[in-house]
C-alpha atoms as a PDB file:
ATOM      1  CA  MET A   1      96.788 114.231 118.516  1.00  0.00           C
ATOM      2  CA  ILE A   2      99.132 116.784 120.104  1.00  0.00           C
ATOM      3  CA  SER A   3      99.998 116.278 123.763  1.00  0.00           C
ATOM      4  CA  LEU A   4     102.031 117.948 126.466  1.00  0.00           C
ATOM      5  CA  ILE A   5     103.906 115.186 128.297  1.00  0.00           C
ATOM      6  CA  SER A   6     106.326 114.843 131.186  1.00  0.00           C
ATOM      7  CA  PHE A   7     108.663 112.114 132.435  1.00  0.00           C
ATOM      8  CA  GLU A   8     109.242 110.731 135.915  1.00  0.00           C
ATOM      9  CA  ASP A   9     112.524 112.615 136.130  1.00  0.00           C
ATOM     10  CA  SER A  10     115.095 114.414 134.004  1.00  0.00           C
ATOM     11  CA  PHE A  11     117.521 112.063 132.274  1.00  0.00           C
ATOM     12  CA  ALA A  12     120.208 111.712 129.613  1.00  0.00           C
ATOM     13  CA  LEU A  13     119.770 109.909 126.314  1.00  0.00           C
ATOM     14  CA  PRO A  14     121.521 109.750 122.918  1.00  0.00           C
ATOM     15  CA  GLU A  15     121.051 112.903 120.871  1.00  0.00           C
ATOM     16  CA  GLU A  16     119.852 110.968 117.821  1.00  0.00           C
ATOM     17  CA  GLU A  17     117.092 109.369 119.893  1.00  0.00           C
ATOM     18  CA  ALA A  18     116.056 112.752 121.301  1.00  0.00           C
ATOM     19  CA  LYS A  19     115.763 114.079 117.746  1.00  0.00           C
ATOM     20  CA  ILE A  20     113.664 111.108 116.628  1.00  0.00           C
ATOM     21  CA  LEU A  21     111.317 111.577 119.600  1.00  0.00           C
ATOM     22  CA  LYS A  22     111.302 115.364 118.991  1.00  0.00           C
ATOM     23  CA  LEU A  23     112.038 116.151 122.646  1.00  0.00           C
ATOM     24  CA  ASN A  24     113.403 119.380 124.048  1.00  0.00           C
ATOM     25  CA  TYR A  25     116.992 118.855 125.145  1.00  0.00           C
ATOM     26  CA  THR A  26     120.157 120.748 126.040  1.00  0.00           C
ATOM     27  CA  THR A  27     123.808 119.977 125.421  1.00  0.00           C
ATOM     28  CA  VAL A  28     125.564 120.410 128.768  1.00  0.00           C
ATOM     29  CA  ASP A  29     128.577 118.958 130.565  1.00  0.00           C
ATOM     30  CA  LEU A  30     127.478 115.587 131.895  1.00  0.00           C
ATOM     31  CA  CYS A  31     129.129 113.423 134.538  1.00  0.00           C
ATOM     32  CA  LYS A  32     128.401 110.466 136.815  1.00  0.00           C
ATOM     33  CA  ASP A  33     127.665 111.101 140.473  1.00  0.00           C
ATOM     34  CA  TYR A  34     128.765 108.957 143.436  1.00  0.00           C
ATOM     35  CA  ASN A  35     125.868 106.552 142.715  1.00  0.00           C
ATOM     36  CA  ASP A  36     127.036 106.175 139.089  1.00  0.00           C
ATOM     37  CA  ARG A  37     124.021 108.105 137.785  1.00  0.00           C
ATOM     38  CA  ILE A  38     124.413 110.519 134.887  1.00  0.00           C
ATOM     39  CA  LYS A  39     123.681 114.162 135.710  1.00  0.00           C
ATOM     40  CA  PRO A  40     124.670 117.689 134.586  1.00  0.00           C
ATOM     41  CA  LYS A  41     127.951 118.777 136.171  1.00  0.00           C
ATOM     42  CA  GLY A  42     127.171 121.390 138.828  1.00  0.00           C
ATOM     43  CA  PRO A  43     129.300 124.406 139.856  1.00  0.00           C
ATOM     44  CA  TYR A  44     130.440 122.647 143.042  1.00  0.00           C
ATOM     45  CA  ASP A  45     131.150 119.255 141.452  1.00  0.00           C
ATOM     46  CA  HIS A  46     134.731 118.083 141.041  1.00  0.00           C
ATOM     47  CA  TYR A  47     136.086 115.276 138.894  1.00  0.00           C
ATOM     48  CA  LYS A  48     137.565 112.442 140.910  1.00  0.00           C
ATOM     49  CA  ASP A  49     140.718 112.452 138.765  1.00  0.00           C
ATOM     50  CA  ASP A  50     141.433 116.047 139.832  1.00  0.00           C
ATOM     51  CA  LEU A  51     141.285 115.259 143.549  1.00  0.00           C
ATOM     52  CA  VAL A  52     143.708 113.742 146.032  1.00  0.00           C
ATOM     53  CA  GLN A  53     142.376 110.587 147.676  1.00  0.00           C
ATOM     54  CA  LYS A  54     143.291 109.601 151.225  1.00  0.00           C
ATOM     55  CA  GLN A  55     142.263 106.570 153.239  1.00  0.00           C
ATOM     56  CA  GLU A  56     141.167 107.762 156.669  1.00  0.00           C
ATOM     57  CA  GLU A  57     139.299 105.739 159.303  1.00  0.00           C
ATOM     58  CA  GLU A  58     138.506 103.004 156.763  1.00  0.00           C
ATOM     59  CA  LYS A  59     136.931 105.617 154.455  1.00  0.00           C
ATOM     60  CA  THR A  60     138.197 107.254 151.296  1.00  0.00           C
ATOM     61  CA  LYS A  61     138.224 111.050 151.540  1.00  0.00           C
ATOM     62  CA  PHE A  62     138.861 113.543 148.754  1.00  0.00           C
ATOM     63  CA  TYR A  63     140.868 116.756 148.911  1.00  0.00           C
ATOM     64  CA  LEU A  64     141.496 119.703 146.606  1.00  0.00           C
ATOM     65  CA  GLU A  65     144.361 122.008 147.565  1.00  0.00           C
ATOM     66  CA  GLY A  66     144.114 120.832 151.161  1.00  0.00           C
ATOM     67  CA  ARG A  67     140.335 121.364 151.362  1.00  0.00           C
ATOM     68  CA  GLN A  68     138.091 118.322 151.840  1.00  0.00           C
ATOM     69  CA  ILE A  69     135.464 117.772 149.171  1.00  0.00           C
ATOM     70  CA  GLU A  70     132.300 115.987 150.301  1.00  0.00           C
ATOM     71  CA  TYR A  71     131.632 112.723 148.481  1.00  0.00           C
ATOM     72  CA  TYR A  72     128.372 113.989 146.947  1.00  0.00           C
ATOM     73  CA  TYR A  73     130.355 116.635 145.061  1.00  0.00           C
ATOM     74  CA  VAL A  74     132.722 114.031 143.623  1.00  0.00           C
ATOM     75  CA  CYS A  75     131.919 112.907 140.071  1.00  0.00           C
ATOM     76  CA  THR A  76     133.537 110.981 137.225  1.00  0.00           C
ATOM     77  CA  LYS A  77     134.004 112.025 133.605  1.00  0.00           C
ATOM     78  CA  LEU A  78     132.114 110.574 130.691  1.00  0.00           C
ATOM     79  CA  PRO A  79     133.932 109.684 127.448  1.00  0.00           C
ATOM     80  CA  ASN A  80     134.339 112.652 125.119  1.00  0.00           C
ATOM     81  CA  ASN A  81     132.283 110.929 122.421  1.00  0.00           C
ATOM     82  CA  HIS A  82     129.418 109.812 124.651  1.00  0.00           C
ATOM     83  CA  GLY A  83     126.850 111.568 122.421  1.00  0.00           C
ATOM     84  CA  LEU A  84     124.373 112.146 125.253  1.00  0.00           C
ATOM     85  CA  VAL A  85     122.115 115.146 125.823  1.00  0.00           C
ATOM     86  CA  TRP A  86     120.063 116.220 128.833  1.00  0.00           C
ATOM     87  CA  VAL A  87     116.265 116.017 128.719  1.00  0.00           C
ATOM     88  CA  GLU A  88     114.286 117.895 131.346  1.00  0.00           C
ATOM     89  CA  LYS A  89     111.380 116.281 133.134  1.00  0.00           C
ATOM     90  CA  GLU A  90     108.508 118.461 131.888  1.00  0.00           C
ATOM     91  CA  ASN A  91     107.119 120.532 128.993  1.00  0.00           C
ATOM     92  CA  HIS A  92     107.520 118.352 125.924  1.00  0.00           C
ATOM     93  CA  LEU A  93     105.020 118.881 123.107  1.00  0.00           C
ATOM     94  CA  VAL A  94     104.733 115.721 120.988  1.00  0.00           C
ATOM     95  CA  ASP A  95     102.565 113.954 118.437  1.00  0.00           C
ATOM     96  CA  LEU A  96     101.175 111.435 120.901  1.00  0.00           C
ATOM     97  CA  ILE A  97     100.336 108.633 118.443  1.00  0.00           C
ATOM     98  CA  LYS A  98     103.768 108.533 116.846  1.00  0.00           C
ATOM     99  CA  PHE A  99     105.582 109.302 120.107  1.00  0.00           C
ATOM    100  CA  SER A 100     103.903 106.536 122.119  1.00  0.00           C
ATOM    101  CA  LEU A 101     104.912 103.936 119.526  1.00  0.00           C
ATOM    102  CA  SER A 102     108.561 105.015 119.576  1.00  0.00           C
ATOM    103  CA  CYS A 103     109.223 106.048 123.174  1.00  0.00           C
ATOM    104  CA  ARG A 104     110.767 103.477 125.552  1.00  0.00           C
ATOM    105  CA  TYR A 105     110.619 105.728 128.617  1.00  0.00           C
ATOM    106  CA  LYS A 106     107.756 106.058 131.090  1.00  0.00           C
ATOM    107  CA  PHE A 107     105.875 109.309 130.558  1.00  0.00           C
ATOM    108  CA  TYR A 108     102.700 111.072 131.679  1.00  0.00           C
ATOM    109  CA  ILE A 109     100.197 113.057 129.637  1.00  0.00           C
ATOM    110  CA  GLN A 110      99.520 116.507 131.061  1.00  0.00           C
ATOM    111  CA  LYS A 111      97.295 117.947 128.342  1.00  0.00           C
ATOM    112  CA  THR A 112      95.999 116.717 124.999  1.00  0.00           C
ATOM    113  CA  ILE A 113      94.373 118.383 122.003  1.00  0.00           C
ATOM    114  CA  LYS A 114      92.307 115.808 120.159  1.00  0.00           C
ATOM    115  CA  SER A 115      90.904 116.356 116.681  1.00  0.00           C
ATOM    116  CA  GLU A 116      87.180 115.705 116.244  1.00  0.00           C
ATOM    117  CA  GLU A 117      87.715 113.122 113.514  1.00  0.00           C
ATOM    118  CA  PRO A 118      90.822 111.072 112.666  1.00  0.00           C
ATOM    119  CA  THR A 119      92.498 112.262 109.498  1.00  0.00           C
ATOM    120  CA  VAL A 120      93.606 109.985 106.673  1.00  0.00           C
ATOM    121  CA  GLN A 121      97.196 110.950 107.428  1.00  0.00           C
ATOM    122  CA  ASN A 122      96.868 109.831 111.052  1.00  0.00           C
ATOM    123  CA  ILE A 123      95.314 106.514 110.052  1.00  0.00           C
ATOM    124  CA  GLN A 124      98.088 105.884 107.524  1.00  0.00           C
ATOM    125  CA  LEU A 125     100.679 106.703 110.159  1.00  0.00           C
ATOM    126  CA  ILE A 126      99.115 104.281 112.656  1.00  0.00           C
ATOM    127  CA  LEU A 127      98.952 101.490 110.050  1.00  0.00           C
ATOM    128  CA  SER A 128     102.566 102.110 109.049  1.00  0.00           C
ATOM    129  CA  GLU A 129     103.753 101.931 112.661  1.00  0.00           C
ATOM    130  CA  ILE A 130     101.749  98.735 113.265  1.00  0.00           C
ATOM    131  CA  GLU A 131     103.309  97.139 110.185  1.00  0.00           C
ATOM    132  CA  ASP A 132     106.798  98.071 111.416  1.00  0.00           C
ATOM    133  CA  LYS A 133     106.097  96.601 114.853  1.00  0.00           C
ATOM    134  CA  ALA A 134     104.682  93.405 113.308  1.00  0.00           C
ATOM    135  CA  ALA A 135     107.773  93.047 111.111  1.00  0.00           C
ATOM    136  CA  LYS A 136     110.058  93.399 114.159  1.00  0.00           C
ATOM    137  CA  ILE A 137     108.052  90.783 116.082  1.00  0.00           C
ATOM    138  CA  GLU A 138     108.238  88.414 113.100  1.00  0.00           C
ATOM    139  CA  LYS A 139     112.032  88.785 112.998  1.00  0.00           C
ATOM    140  CA  ILE A 140     112.265  88.025 116.721  1.00  0.00           C
ATOM    141  CA  VAL A 141     110.083  84.906 116.316  1.00  0.00           C
ATOM    142  CA  ASP A 142     112.245  83.698 113.413  1.00  0.00           C
ATOM    143  CA  LEU A 143     115.371  84.256 115.496  1.00  0.00           C
ATOM    144  CA  LEU A 144     113.930  82.293 118.419  1.00  0.00           C
ATOM    145  CA  GLN A 145     112.910  79.449 116.157  1.00  0.00           C
ATOM    146  CA  SER A 146     116.355  79.247 114.582  1.00  0.00           C
ATOM    147  CA  SER A 147     118.030  79.179 118.004  1.00  0.00           C
ATOM    148  CA  THR A 148     115.749  76.509 119.537  1.00  0.00           C
ATOM    149  CA  PHE A 149     115.498  74.030 116.657  1.00  0.00           C
ATOM    150  CA  ASN A 150     118.338  71.961 115.198  1.00  0.00           C
ATOM    151  CA  GLN A 151     117.448  71.544 111.528  1.00  0.00           C
ATOM    152  CA  LYS A 152     120.309  69.120 110.811  1.00  0.00           C
ATOM    153  CA  VAL A 153     118.950  66.416 113.101  1.00  0.00           C
ATOM    154  CA  ASN A 154     115.361  67.728 113.186  1.00  0.00           C
ATOM    155  CA  VAL A 155     115.047  68.101 116.979  1.00  0.00           C
ATOM    156  CA  HIS A 156     114.255  70.943 119.356  1.00  0.00           C
ATOM    157  CA  VAL A 157     116.999  72.431 121.529  1.00  0.00           C
ATOM    158  CA  GLY A 158     116.341  72.815 125.245  1.00  0.00           C
ATOM    159  CA  GLY A 159     115.839  76.337 126.554  1.00  0.00           C
ATOM    160  CA  GLY A 160     117.190  78.084 129.653  1.00  0.00           C
ATOM    161  CA  LEU A 161     114.891  76.138 132.000  1.00  0.00           C
ATOM    162  CA  ILE A 162     116.928  72.983 131.388  1.00  0.00           C
ATOM    163  CA  THR A 163     119.811  74.458 133.384  1.00  0.00           C
ATOM    164  CA  THR A 164     117.709  74.302 136.573  1.00  0.00           C
ATOM    165  CA  TYR A 165     117.251  70.501 136.474  1.00  0.00           C
ATOM    166  CA  ASN A 166     119.379  68.491 138.887  1.00  0.00           C
ATOM    167  CA  GLU A 167     117.667  65.070 138.587  1.00  0.00           C
ATOM    168  CA  LEU A 168     117.081  62.928 135.498  1.00  0.00           C
ATOM    169  CA  SER A 169     114.908  59.915 134.755  1.00  0.00           C
ATOM    170  CA  LEU A 170     114.628  57.542 131.786  1.00  0.00           C
ATOM    171  CA  LYS A 171     111.197  56.085 131.020  1.00  0.00           C
ATOM    172  CA  GLU A 172     111.232  53.397 128.332  1.00  0.00           C
ATOM    173  CA  ASP A 173     108.276  52.381 126.178  1.00  0.00           C
ATOM    174  CA  ILE A 174     105.662  54.066 128.412  1.00  0.00           C
ATOM    175  CA  CYS A 175     102.118  55.096 127.593  1.00  0.00           C
ATOM    176  CA  THR A 176     100.720  58.620 127.913  1.00  0.00           C
ATOM    177  CA  ASP A 177      98.860  57.766 131.136  1.00  0.00           C
ATOM    178  CA  ILE A 178     102.124  56.901 132.906  1.00  0.00           C
ATOM    179  CA  LEU A 179     103.801  59.948 131.361  1.00  0.00           C
ATOM    180  CA  GLN A 180     101.022  62.181 132.698  1.00  0.00           C
ATOM    181  CA  THR A 181     101.600  60.741 136.192  1.00  0.00           C
ATOM    182  CA  GLU A 182     105.280  61.624 135.951  1.00  0.00           C
ATOM    183  CA  LEU A 183     104.442  65.165 134.834  1.00  0.00           C
ATOM    184  CA  ASN A 184     102.078  65.487 137.805  1.00  0.00           C
ATOM    185  CA  ASN A 185     105.005  64.514 140.039  1.00  0.00           C
ATOM    186  CA  GLY A 186     107.068  67.436 138.800  1.00  0.00           C
ATOM    187  CA  TRP A 187     109.021  65.823 135.972  1.00  0.00           C
ATOM    188  CA  ARG A 188     109.404  67.665 132.664  1.00  0.00           C
ATOM    189  CA  ILE A 189     110.187  66.231 129.237  1.00  0.00           C
ATOM    190  CA  ILE A 190     113.758  66.879 128.056  1.00  0.00           C
ATOM    191  CA  ALA A 191     113.761  64.544 125.042  1.00  0.00           C
ATOM    192  CA  VAL A 192     111.412  62.143 123.229  1.00  0.00           C
ATOM    193  CA  CYS A 193     113.309  59.211 121.732  1.00  0.00           C
ATOM    194  CA  VAL A 194     111.302  57.296 119.131  1.00  0.00           C
ATOM    195  CA  GLN A 195     112.506  53.673 118.810  1.00  0.00           C
ATOM    196  CA  PRO A 196     112.293  51.551 115.618  1.00  0.00           C
ATOM    197  CA  ASN A 197     111.337  48.332 117.417  1.00  0.00           C
ATOM    198  CA  GLN A 198     108.665  49.373 119.926  1.00  0.00           C
ATOM    199  CA  ARG A 199     105.172  50.833 119.877  1.00  0.00           C
ATOM    200  CA  ARG A 200     105.846  53.793 122.175  1.00  0.00           C
ATOM    201  CA  PRO A 201     108.815  56.161 122.536  1.00  0.00           C
ATOM    202  CA  ASP A 202     111.277  56.473 125.379  1.00  0.00           C
ATOM    203  CA  TYR A 203     111.319  59.695 127.403  1.00  0.00           C
ATOM    204  CA  ILE A 204     114.168  61.467 129.136  1.00  0.00           C
ATOM    205  CA  LEU A 205     112.692  63.496 131.993  1.00  0.00           C
ATOM    206  CA  GLY A 206     114.173  66.146 134.240  1.00  0.00           C
ATOM    207  CA  ARG A 207     113.176  68.099 137.323  1.00  0.00           C
ATOM    208  CA  TYR A 208     114.582  70.233 140.123  1.00  0.00           C
ATOM    209  CA  ASN A 209     114.746  68.316 143.403  1.00  0.00           C
ATOM    210  CA  PRO A 210     115.551  70.633 146.354  1.00  0.00           C
ATOM    211  CA  VAL A 211     116.257  67.694 148.700  1.00  0.00           C
ATOM    212  CA  LEU A 212     118.365  65.629 146.327  1.00  0.00           C
ATOM    213  CA  GLU A 213     121.112  63.636 148.054  1.00  0.00           C
ATOM    214  CA  VAL A 214     123.925  64.121 145.565  1.00  0.00           C
ATOM    215  CA  THR A 215     126.263  61.702 147.349  1.00  0.00           C
ATOM    216  CA  SER A 216     123.932  58.771 146.773  1.00  0.00           C
ATOM    217  CA  LYS A 217     122.466  59.853 143.422  1.00  0.00           C
ATOM    218  CA  ASN A 218     125.029  58.734 140.827  1.00  0.00           C
ATOM    219  CA  GLU A 219     122.675  57.508 138.130  1.00  0.00           C
ATOM    220  CA  ALA A 220     119.421  58.605 136.519  1.00  0.00           C
ATOM    221  CA  SER A 221     116.157  57.053 137.744  1.00  0.00           C
ATOM    222  CA  ARG A 222     114.495  54.285 135.732  1.00  0.00           C
END
């Protein structure tokens, strides 16, 4: 499926990525404008390092040979080895199936030529891309599991939500009905501590209390 696509705006991206996506691009002098956005260097743009800066009326003004340069013509240099190219907003002819699976930028389809029947080559390409995506997802899941489970002591490790708790409570030898009541009251389970000499485990609970009096709250609730 061949499509003519366009982006929301022109932008810069690494040349290798532009080649992989098979986009039209140009190699031009790039710089950062006063809002720190990358753009092609225009004929009236001047590098900040080449200008004289003066503090006047609590504002920084720029001069070149005695002539003031407006701030929107002041830009900063990019590193010499930045490896970026400039991609225009419109008129990119791509293989839509392969492109949509690889592109991480928002784009719009202007025109599309669709074959009457899918070819074997297209189906194989789609299956190959799906397998690659599934493999990447599997690696991410494995990484998350390894970072949230301590295999040495066989317990789960608390995630980022635990950093929001400011109040703790210890519930010893309680049944699930009482635990459910605590969960309904906003408490969340931080740890389950199974004891060798009692029928039910102990629970360490946590929650965020916006009206907590920290001066009088020196110990966990029980």
